[in-house]
PDB file of N, CA and C in Angstrom:
ATOM      1  N   UNK A   1    -103.567  76.958 -87.397  1.00  0.00           N
ATOM      2  CA  UNK A   1    -104.674  76.462 -86.469  1.00  0.00           C
ATOM      3  C   UNK A   1    -104.008  75.848 -85.302  1.00  0.00           C
ATOM      4  N   UNK A   2    -104.685  76.087 -84.125  1.00  0.00           N
ATOM      5  CA  UNK A   2    -104.274  75.487 -82.872  1.00  0.00           C
ATOM      6  C   UNK A   2    -102.882  75.850 -82.345  1.00  0.00           C
ATOM      7  N   UNK A   3    -102.391  76.994 -82.881  1.00  0.00           N
ATOM      8  CA  UNK A   3    -101.239  77.530 -82.320  1.00  0.00           C
ATOM      9  C   UNK A   3    -100.007  76.685 -82.837  1.00  0.00           C
ATOM     10  N   UNK A   4    -100.022  76.012 -83.850  1.00  0.00           N
ATOM     11  CA  UNK A   4     -98.945  75.152 -84.403  1.00  0.00           C
ATOM     12  C   UNK A   4     -98.551  75.743 -85.861  1.00  0.00           C
ATOM     13  N   UNK A   5     -97.407  75.526 -86.218  1.00  0.00           N
ATOM     14  CA  UNK A   5     -96.782  75.949 -87.504  1.00  0.00           C
ATOM     15  C   UNK A   5     -96.786  74.701 -88.414  1.00  0.00           C
ATOM     16  N   UNK A   6     -97.328  74.890 -89.710  1.00  0.00           N
ATOM     17  CA  UNK A   6     -97.229  73.851 -90.633  1.00  0.00           C
ATOM     18  C   UNK A   6     -95.916  73.167 -90.759  1.00  0.00           C
ATOM     19  N   UNK A   7     -95.998  71.805 -90.800  1.00  0.00           N
ATOM     20  CA  UNK A   7     -94.904  70.970 -90.936  1.00  0.00           C
ATOM     21  C   UNK A   7     -93.891  70.967 -89.752  1.00  0.00           C
ATOM     22  N   UNK A   8     -94.532  71.412 -88.565  1.00  0.00           N
ATOM     23  CA  UNK A   8     -93.664  71.461 -87.411  1.00  0.00           C
ATOM     24  C   UNK A   8     -94.343  70.729 -86.278  1.00  0.00           C
ATOM     25  N   UNK A   9     -95.180  69.644 -86.683  1.00  0.00           N
ATOM     26  CA  UNK A   9     -95.815  68.772 -85.736  1.00  0.00           C
ATOM     27  C   UNK A   9     -96.104  67.437 -86.252  1.00  0.00           C
ATOM     28  N   UNK A  10     -96.148  66.491 -85.424  1.00  0.00           N
ATOM     29  CA  UNK A  10     -96.699  65.152 -85.904  1.00  0.00           C
ATOM     30  C   UNK A  10     -98.013  64.995 -85.388  1.00  0.00           C
ATOM     31  N   UNK A  11     -98.760  64.260 -86.105  1.00  0.00           N
ATOM     32  CA  UNK A  11    -100.340  64.212 -85.879  1.00  0.00           C
ATOM     33  C   UNK A  11    -100.736  62.815 -85.702  1.00  0.00           C
ATOM     34  N   UNK A  12    -101.460  62.502 -84.668  1.00  0.00           N
ATOM     35  CA  UNK A  12    -102.061  61.069 -84.417  1.00  0.00           C
ATOM     36  C   UNK A  12    -103.579  61.361 -84.315  1.00  0.00           C
ATOM     37  N   UNK A  13    -104.450  60.784 -85.152  1.00  0.00           N
ATOM     38  CA  UNK A  13    -105.833  60.874 -85.271  1.00  0.00           C
ATOM     39  C   UNK A  13    -106.436  59.529 -85.122  1.00  0.00           C
ATOM     40  N   UNK A  14    -107.471  59.676 -84.263  1.00  0.00           N
ATOM     41  CA  UNK A  14    -108.300  58.481 -84.062  1.00  0.00           C
ATOM     42  C   UNK A  14    -108.891  58.325 -82.627  1.00  0.00           C
ATOM     43  N   UNK A  15    -109.886  57.492 -82.483  1.00  0.00           N
ATOM     44  CA  UNK A  15    -110.567  57.327 -81.173  1.00  0.00           C
ATOM     45  C   UNK A  15    -109.461  56.762 -80.298  1.00  0.00           C
ATOM     46  N   UNK A  16    -109.459  57.305 -79.136  1.00  0.00           N
ATOM     47  CA  UNK A  16    -108.419  56.873 -77.980  1.00  0.00           C
ATOM     48  C   UNK A  16    -108.950  55.523 -77.459  1.00  0.00           C
ATOM     49  N   UNK A  17    -108.403  54.446 -78.077  1.00  0.00           N
ATOM     50  CA  UNK A  17    -108.721  53.059 -77.489  1.00  0.00           C
ATOM     51  C   UNK A  17    -107.494  52.183 -77.910  1.00  0.00           C
ATOM     52  N   UNK A  18    -107.469  51.029 -77.304  1.00  0.00           N
ATOM     53  CA  UNK A  18    -106.138  50.134 -77.360  1.00  0.00           C
ATOM     54  C   UNK A  18    -105.836  49.805 -78.861  1.00  0.00           C
ATOM     55  N   UNK A  19    -106.846  49.461 -79.690  1.00  0.00           N
ATOM     56  CA  UNK A  19    -106.513  48.997 -81.082  1.00  0.00           C
ATOM     57  C   UNK A  19    -105.744  50.139 -81.931  1.00  0.00           C
ATOM     58  N   UNK A  20    -105.792  51.406 -81.442  1.00  0.00           N
ATOM     59  CA  UNK A  20    -105.129  52.587 -82.186  1.00  0.00           C
ATOM     60  C   UNK A  20    -103.696  52.513 -81.819  1.00  0.00           C
ATOM     61  N   UNK A  21    -103.275  51.768 -80.773  1.00  0.00           N
ATOM     62  CA  UNK A  21    -101.928  51.703 -80.208  1.00  0.00           C
ATOM     63  C   UNK A  21    -101.267  53.069 -79.927  1.00  0.00           C
ATOM     64  N   UNK A  22    -102.092  53.948 -79.231  1.00  0.00           N
ATOM     65  CA  UNK A  22    -101.519  55.224 -78.844  1.00  0.00           C
ATOM     66  C   UNK A  22    -100.331  55.074 -77.979  1.00  0.00           C
ATOM     67  N   UNK A  23    -100.325  54.112 -77.092  1.00  0.00           N
ATOM     68  CA  UNK A  23     -99.144  53.902 -76.338  1.00  0.00           C
ATOM     69  C   UNK A  23     -97.686  53.774 -77.039  1.00  0.00           C
ATOM     70  N   UNK A  24     -97.878  53.072 -78.106  1.00  0.00           N
ATOM     71  CA  UNK A  24     -96.585  52.931 -78.932  1.00  0.00           C
ATOM     72  C   UNK A  24     -96.236  54.302 -79.559  1.00  0.00           C
ATOM     73  N   UNK A  25     -97.183  55.135 -80.026  1.00  0.00           N
ATOM     74  CA  UNK A  25     -96.984  56.417 -80.579  1.00  0.00           C
ATOM     75  C   UNK A  25     -96.379  57.345 -79.443  1.00  0.00           C
ATOM     76  N   UNK A  26     -96.898  57.273 -78.194  1.00  0.00           N
ATOM     77  CA  UNK A  26     -96.318  58.023 -77.193  1.00  0.00           C
ATOM     78  C   UNK A  26     -94.882  57.683 -76.833  1.00  0.00           C
ATOM     79  N   UNK A  27     -94.619  56.421 -76.764  1.00  0.00           N
ATOM     80  CA  UNK A  27     -93.343  55.855 -76.419  1.00  0.00           C
ATOM     81  C   UNK A  27     -92.339  56.251 -77.495  1.00  0.00           C
ATOM     82  N   UNK A  28     -92.736  56.131 -78.772  1.00  0.00           N
ATOM     83  CA  UNK A  28     -91.758  56.486 -79.933  1.00  0.00           C
ATOM     84  C   UNK A  28     -91.488  57.890 -79.774  1.00  0.00           C
ATOM     85  N   UNK A  29     -92.524  58.868 -79.569  1.00  0.00           N
ATOM     86  CA  UNK A  29     -92.257  60.201 -79.651  1.00  0.00           C
ATOM     87  C   UNK A  29     -91.271  60.412 -78.380  1.00  0.00           C
ATOM     88  N   UNK A  30     -91.456  59.882 -77.303  1.00  0.00           N
ATOM     89  CA  UNK A  30     -90.599  60.124 -76.132  1.00  0.00           C
ATOM     90  C   UNK A  30     -89.129  59.693 -76.348  1.00  0.00           C
ATOM     91  N   UNK A  31     -88.958  58.771 -77.313  1.00  0.00           N
ATOM     92  CA  UNK A  31     -87.655  58.260 -77.583  1.00  0.00           C
ATOM     93  C   UNK A  31     -86.827  59.314 -78.394  1.00  0.00           C
ATOM     94  N   UNK A  32     -87.532  60.215 -79.052  1.00  0.00           N
ATOM     95  CA  UNK A  32     -86.770  61.230 -79.958  1.00  0.00           C
ATOM     96  C   UNK A  32     -85.895  62.042 -78.953  1.00  0.00           C
ATOM     97  N   UNK A  33     -84.937  62.668 -79.563  1.00  0.00           N
ATOM     98  CA  UNK A  33     -84.128  63.598 -78.755  1.00  0.00           C
ATOM     99  C   UNK A  33     -85.126  64.795 -78.324  1.00  0.00           C
ATOM    100  N   UNK A  34     -84.711  65.299 -77.166  1.00  0.00           N
ATOM    101  CA  UNK A  34     -85.519  66.410 -76.594  1.00  0.00           C
ATOM    102  C   UNK A  34     -85.731  67.572 -77.473  1.00  0.00           C
ATOM    103  N   UNK A  35     -84.672  67.982 -78.292  1.00  0.00           N
ATOM    104  CA  UNK A  35     -84.792  69.022 -79.235  1.00  0.00           C
ATOM    105  C   UNK A  35     -85.772  68.768 -80.373  1.00  0.00           C
ATOM    106  N   UNK A  36     -85.728  67.465 -80.767  1.00  0.00           N
ATOM    107  CA  UNK A  36     -86.830  67.069 -81.778  1.00  0.00           C
ATOM    108  C   UNK A  36     -88.158  67.101 -81.215  1.00  0.00           C
ATOM    109  N   UNK A  37     -88.355  66.563 -80.010  1.00  0.00           N
ATOM    110  CA  UNK A  37     -89.662  66.543 -79.431  1.00  0.00           C
ATOM    111  C   UNK A  37     -90.250  67.893 -79.263  1.00  0.00           C
ATOM    112  N   UNK A  38     -89.399  68.955 -78.952  1.00  0.00           N
ATOM    113  CA  UNK A  38     -89.810  70.238 -78.800  1.00  0.00           C
ATOM    114  C   UNK A  38     -90.116  70.889 -79.965  1.00  0.00           C
ATOM    115  N   UNK A  39     -89.436  70.711 -81.065  1.00  0.00           N
ATOM    116  CA  UNK A  39     -89.583  71.262 -82.371  1.00  0.00           C
ATOM    117  C   UNK A  39     -90.848  70.630 -82.962  1.00  0.00           C
ATOM    118  N   UNK A  40     -91.080  69.285 -82.798  1.00  0.00           N
ATOM    119  CA  UNK A  40     -92.110  68.602 -83.538  1.00  0.00           C
ATOM    120  C   UNK A  40     -92.997  67.907 -82.434  1.00  0.00           C
ATOM    121  N   UNK A  41     -93.875  68.684 -81.787  1.00  0.00           N
ATOM    122  CA  UNK A  41     -94.742  67.964 -80.814  1.00  0.00           C
ATOM    123  C   UNK A  41     -95.699  67.076 -81.421  1.00  0.00           C
ATOM    124  N   UNK A  42     -96.217  66.167 -80.572  1.00  0.00           N
ATOM    125  CA  UNK A  42     -97.208  65.182 -81.150  1.00  0.00           C
ATOM    126  C   UNK A  42     -98.541  65.678 -80.712  1.00  0.00           C
ATOM    127  N   UNK A  43     -99.403  65.975 -81.852  1.00  0.00           N
ATOM    128  CA  UNK A  43    -100.793  66.369 -81.537  1.00  0.00           C
ATOM    129  C   UNK A  43    -101.699  65.191 -81.697  1.00  0.00           C
ATOM    130  N   UNK A  44    -102.533  64.960 -80.780  1.00  0.00           N
ATOM    131  CA  UNK A  44    -103.469  63.855 -80.736  1.00  0.00           C
ATOM    132  C   UNK A  44    -104.894  64.372 -80.864  1.00  0.00           C
ATOM    133  N   UNK A  45    -105.551  63.853 -81.920  1.00  0.00           N
ATOM    134  CA  UNK A  45    -106.967  64.324 -82.132  1.00  0.00           C
ATOM    135  C   UNK A  45    -107.851  63.110 -82.077  1.00  0.00           C
ATOM    136  N   UNK A  46    -108.845  63.085 -81.176  1.00  0.00           N
ATOM    137  CA  UNK A  46    -109.801  62.090 -81.059  1.00  0.00           C
ATOM    138  C   UNK A  46    -110.453  62.005 -79.785  1.00  0.00           C
ATOM    139  N   UNK A  47    -111.577  61.317 -79.755  1.00  0.00           N
ATOM    140  CA  UNK A  47    -112.347  61.156 -78.427  1.00  0.00           C
ATOM    141  C   UNK A  47    -111.939  59.964 -77.691  1.00  0.00           C
ATOM    142  N   UNK A  48    -112.209  59.921 -76.424  1.00  0.00           N
ATOM    143  CA  UNK A  48    -111.912  58.710 -75.616  1.00  0.00           C
ATOM    144  C   UNK A  48    -112.858  57.731 -75.995  1.00  0.00           C
ATOM    145  N   UNK A  49    -112.301  56.479 -76.240  1.00  0.00           N
ATOM    146  CA  UNK A  49    -113.010  55.217 -76.582  1.00  0.00           C
ATOM    147  C   UNK A  49    -113.067  54.178 -75.474  1.00  0.00           C
ATOM    148  N   UNK A  50    -113.299  52.962 -75.765  1.00  0.00           N
ATOM    149  CA  UNK A  50    -113.425  51.840 -74.893  1.00  0.00           C
ATOM    150  C   UNK A  50    -111.900  51.692 -74.353  1.00  0.00           C
ATOM    151  N   UNK A  51    -111.898  51.361 -73.118  1.00  0.00           N
ATOM    152  CA  UNK A  51    -110.637  50.882 -72.441  1.00  0.00           C
ATOM    153  C   UNK A  51    -109.493  51.926 -72.555  1.00  0.00           C
ATOM    154  N   UNK A  52    -109.848  53.203 -72.689  1.00  0.00           N
ATOM    155  CA  UNK A  52    -108.790  54.276 -72.945  1.00  0.00           C
ATOM    156  C   UNK A  52    -108.019  54.489 -71.525  1.00  0.00           C
ATOM    157  N   UNK A  53    -108.558  53.971 -70.453  1.00  0.00           N
ATOM    158  CA  UNK A  53    -107.897  53.998 -69.054  1.00  0.00           C
ATOM    159  C   UNK A  53    -106.522  53.284 -69.071  1.00  0.00           C
ATOM    160  N   UNK A  54    -106.318  52.357 -69.982  1.00  0.00           N
ATOM    161  CA  UNK A  54    -105.170  51.567 -69.804  1.00  0.00           C
ATOM    162  C   UNK A  54    -103.832  52.426 -70.239  1.00  0.00           C
ATOM    163  N   UNK A  55    -104.076  53.445 -70.992  1.00  0.00           N
ATOM    164  CA  UNK A  55    -102.843  54.361 -71.336  1.00  0.00           C
ATOM    165  C   UNK A  55    -103.043  55.683 -70.742  1.00  0.00           C
ATOM    166  N   UNK A  56    -103.908  55.798 -69.825  1.00  0.00           N
ATOM    167  CA  UNK A  56    -104.231  57.219 -69.239  1.00  0.00           C
ATOM    168  C   UNK A  56    -103.027  57.724 -68.611  1.00  0.00           C
ATOM    169  N   UNK A  57    -102.316  56.863 -67.723  1.00  0.00           N
ATOM    170  CA  UNK A  57    -101.112  57.380 -66.953  1.00  0.00           C
ATOM    171  C   UNK A  57    -100.035  57.774 -67.980  1.00  0.00           C
ATOM    172  N   UNK A  58     -99.783  57.107 -68.928  1.00  0.00           N
ATOM    173  CA  UNK A  58     -98.741  57.217 -69.959  1.00  0.00           C
ATOM    174  C   UNK A  58     -99.050  58.568 -70.771  1.00  0.00           C
ATOM    175  N   UNK A  59    -100.262  58.770 -70.988  1.00  0.00           N
ATOM    176  CA  UNK A  59    -100.786  60.019 -71.646  1.00  0.00           C
ATOM    177  C   UNK A  59    -100.620  61.204 -70.857  1.00  0.00           C
ATOM    178  N   UNK A  60    -100.926  61.148 -69.542  1.00  0.00           N
ATOM    179  CA  UNK A  60    -100.850  62.154 -68.612  1.00  0.00           C
ATOM    180  C   UNK A  60     -99.419  62.549 -68.518  1.00  0.00           C
ATOM    181  N   UNK A  61     -98.498  61.587 -68.361  1.00  0.00           N
ATOM    182  CA  UNK A  61     -97.131  61.886 -68.201  1.00  0.00           C
ATOM    183  C   UNK A  61     -96.594  62.575 -69.515  1.00  0.00           C
ATOM    184  N   UNK A  62     -96.959  62.111 -70.681  1.00  0.00           N
ATOM    185  CA  UNK A  62     -96.650  62.743 -71.890  1.00  0.00           C
ATOM    186  C   UNK A  62     -97.122  64.190 -72.097  1.00  0.00           C
ATOM    187  N   UNK A  63     -98.402  64.467 -71.681  1.00  0.00           N
ATOM    188  CA  UNK A  63     -98.937  65.826 -71.738  1.00  0.00           C
ATOM    189  C   UNK A  63     -98.331  66.624 -70.750  1.00  0.00           C
ATOM    190  N   UNK A  64     -97.734  66.204 -69.637  1.00  0.00           N
ATOM    191  CA  UNK A  64     -97.180  66.947 -68.623  1.00  0.00           C
ATOM    192  C   UNK A  64     -95.795  67.559 -69.117  1.00  0.00           C
ATOM    193  N   UNK A  65     -95.133  66.855 -70.175  1.00  0.00           N
ATOM    194  CA  UNK A  65     -93.817  67.318 -70.791  1.00  0.00           C
ATOM    195  C   UNK A  65     -94.005  68.621 -71.624  1.00  0.00           C
ATOM    196  N   UNK A  66     -95.266  68.786 -72.117  1.00  0.00           N
ATOM    197  CA  UNK A  66     -95.584  69.906 -73.084  1.00  0.00           C
ATOM    198  C   UNK A  66     -95.210  69.467 -74.491  1.00  0.00           C
ATOM    199  N   UNK A  67     -94.595  68.246 -74.641  1.00  0.00           N
ATOM    200  CA  UNK A  67     -94.237  67.898 -76.041  1.00  0.00           C
ATOM    201  C   UNK A  67     -95.412  67.069 -76.687  1.00  0.00           C
ATOM    202  N   UNK A  68     -96.438  66.747 -75.963  1.00  0.00           N
ATOM    203  CA  UNK A  68     -97.692  66.117 -76.670  1.00  0.00           C
ATOM    204  C   UNK A  68     -98.930  66.936 -76.096  1.00  0.00           C
ATOM    205  N   UNK A  69     -99.822  67.138 -77.128  1.00  0.00           N
ATOM    206  CA  UNK A  69    -101.080  67.863 -76.930  1.00  0.00           C
ATOM    207  C   UNK A  69    -102.256  67.231 -77.271  1.00  0.00           C
ATOM    208  N   UNK A  70    -103.147  66.946 -76.369  1.00  0.00           N
ATOM    209  CA  UNK A  70    -104.424  66.295 -76.745  1.00  0.00           C
ATOM    210  C   UNK A  70    -105.473  67.205 -77.082  1.00  0.00           C
ATOM    211  N   UNK A  71    -105.935  67.246 -78.320  1.00  0.00           N
ATOM    212  CA  UNK A  71    -106.858  68.232 -78.755  1.00  0.00           C
ATOM    213  C   UNK A  71    -108.354  67.742 -78.671  1.00  0.00           C
ATOM    214  N   UNK A  72    -108.578  66.530 -78.419  1.00  0.00           N
ATOM    215  CA  UNK A  72    -109.945  66.005 -78.390  1.00  0.00           C
ATOM    216  C   UNK A  72    -110.610  65.842 -79.721  1.00  0.00           C
ATOM    217  N   UNK A  73    -111.935  66.005 -79.804  1.00  0.00           N
ATOM    218  CA  UNK A  73    -112.606  65.975 -81.073  1.00  0.00           C
ATOM    219  C   UNK A  73    -112.502  67.265 -81.643  1.00  0.00           C
ATOM    220  N   UNK A  74    -112.326  67.237 -83.063  1.00  0.00           N
ATOM    221  CA  UNK A  74    -112.287  68.549 -83.741  1.00  0.00           C
ATOM    222  C   UNK A  74    -113.243  68.478 -85.006  1.00  0.00           C
ATOM    223  N   UNK A  75    -113.878  69.659 -85.440  1.00  0.00           N
ATOM    224  CA  UNK A  75    -114.755  69.599 -86.689  1.00  0.00           C
ATOM    225  C   UNK A  75    -113.874  69.121 -87.912  1.00  0.00           C
ATOM    226  N   UNK A  76    -114.469  68.688 -88.895  1.00  0.00           N
ATOM    227  CA  UNK A  76    -113.847  68.323 -90.085  1.00  0.00           C
ATOM    228  C   UNK A  76    -112.836  69.418 -90.689  1.00  0.00           C
ATOM    229  N   UNK A  77    -113.343  70.600 -90.609  1.00  0.00           N
ATOM    230  CA  UNK A  77    -112.511  71.732 -91.196  1.00  0.00           C
ATOM    231  C   UNK A  77    -111.237  71.836 -90.515  1.00  0.00           C
ATOM    232  N   UNK A  78    -111.419  71.867 -89.099  1.00  0.00           N
ATOM    233  CA  UNK A  78    -110.174  71.849 -88.372  1.00  0.00           C
ATOM    234  C   UNK A  78    -109.155  70.861 -88.567  1.00  0.00           C
ATOM    235  N   UNK A  79    -109.736  69.560 -88.617  1.00  0.00           N
ATOM    236  CA  UNK A  79    -109.029  68.371 -88.739  1.00  0.00           C
ATOM    237  C   UNK A  79    -108.251  68.379 -90.092  1.00  0.00           C
ATOM    238  N   UNK A  80    -108.974  68.828 -91.152  1.00  0.00           N
ATOM    239  CA  UNK A  80    -108.331  68.794 -92.492  1.00  0.00           C
ATOM    240  C   UNK A  80    -107.139  69.841 -92.500  1.00  0.00           C
ATOM    241  N   UNK A  81    -107.233  70.938 -91.852  1.00  0.00           N
ATOM    242  CA  UNK A  81    -106.140  71.810 -91.754  1.00  0.00           C
ATOM    243  C   UNK A  81    -104.951  71.246 -91.128  1.00  0.00           C
ATOM    244  N   UNK A  82    -105.210  70.482 -89.948  1.00  0.00           N
ATOM    245  CA  UNK A  82    -104.127  69.811 -89.240  1.00  0.00           C
ATOM    246  C   UNK A  82    -103.446  68.734 -89.998  1.00  0.00           C
ATOM    247  N   UNK A  83    -104.309  67.853 -90.743  1.00  0.00           N
ATOM    248  CA  UNK A  83    -103.859  66.817 -91.567  1.00  0.00           C
ATOM    249  C   UNK A  83    -102.975  67.496 -92.630  1.00  0.00           C
ATOM    250  N   UNK A  84    -103.354  68.522 -93.253  1.00  0.00           N
ATOM    251  CA  UNK A  84    -102.612  69.024 -94.418  1.00  0.00           C
ATOM    252  C   UNK A  84    -101.283  69.692 -93.982  1.00  0.00           C
ATOM    253  N   UNK A  85    -101.249  70.096 -92.637  1.00  0.00           N
ATOM    254  CA  UNK A  85    -100.084  70.796 -92.169  1.00  0.00           C
ATOM    255  C   UNK A  85     -99.025  69.918 -91.539  1.00  0.00           C
ATOM    256  N   UNK A  86     -99.437  68.583 -91.126  1.00  0.00           N
ATOM    257  CA  UNK A  86     -98.578  67.733 -90.408  1.00  0.00           C
ATOM    258  C   UNK A  86     -97.331  67.392 -91.130  1.00  0.00           C
ATOM    259  N   UNK A  87     -96.310  67.232 -90.261  1.00  0.00           N
ATOM    260  CA  UNK A  87     -94.922  66.747 -90.863  1.00  0.00           C
ATOM    261  C   UNK A  87     -95.142  65.187 -91.169  1.00  0.00           C
ATOM    262  N   UNK A  88     -95.745  64.550 -90.303  1.00  0.00           N
ATOM    263  CA  UNK A  88     -96.125  63.162 -90.447  1.00  0.00           C
ATOM    264  C   UNK A  88     -97.402  62.799 -89.752  1.00  0.00           C
ATOM    265  N   UNK A  89     -98.118  61.772 -90.333  1.00  0.00           N
ATOM    266  CA  UNK A  89     -99.239  61.274 -89.667  1.00  0.00           C
ATOM    267  C   UNK A  89     -98.900  59.922 -88.975  1.00  0.00           C
ATOM    268  N   UNK A  90     -99.132  59.838 -87.702  1.00  0.00           N
ATOM    269  CA  UNK A  90     -98.874  58.702 -86.873  1.00  0.00           C
ATOM    270  C   UNK A  90    -100.033  57.813 -86.840  1.00  0.00           C
TER     271      UNK A  90
END
């Protein structure tokens, strides 16, 4: 699903808002060696929530690398497949 291979990605699920600490997840992923980031991209599933603007720039930068993918809201069936196939849930 979504062009990824099972066990070959990290998954972050939740509304995009400060209390979910997406900034820390993005920074942690960015600290991984480039080869690891490319092999295990970070997929982000969730809708924009309150004050999501505070990490918009960091998210744009991460998306530009191609190592992070923002999938937005997904139906339960798609989300279940991604959860089952994730290397790790962030």
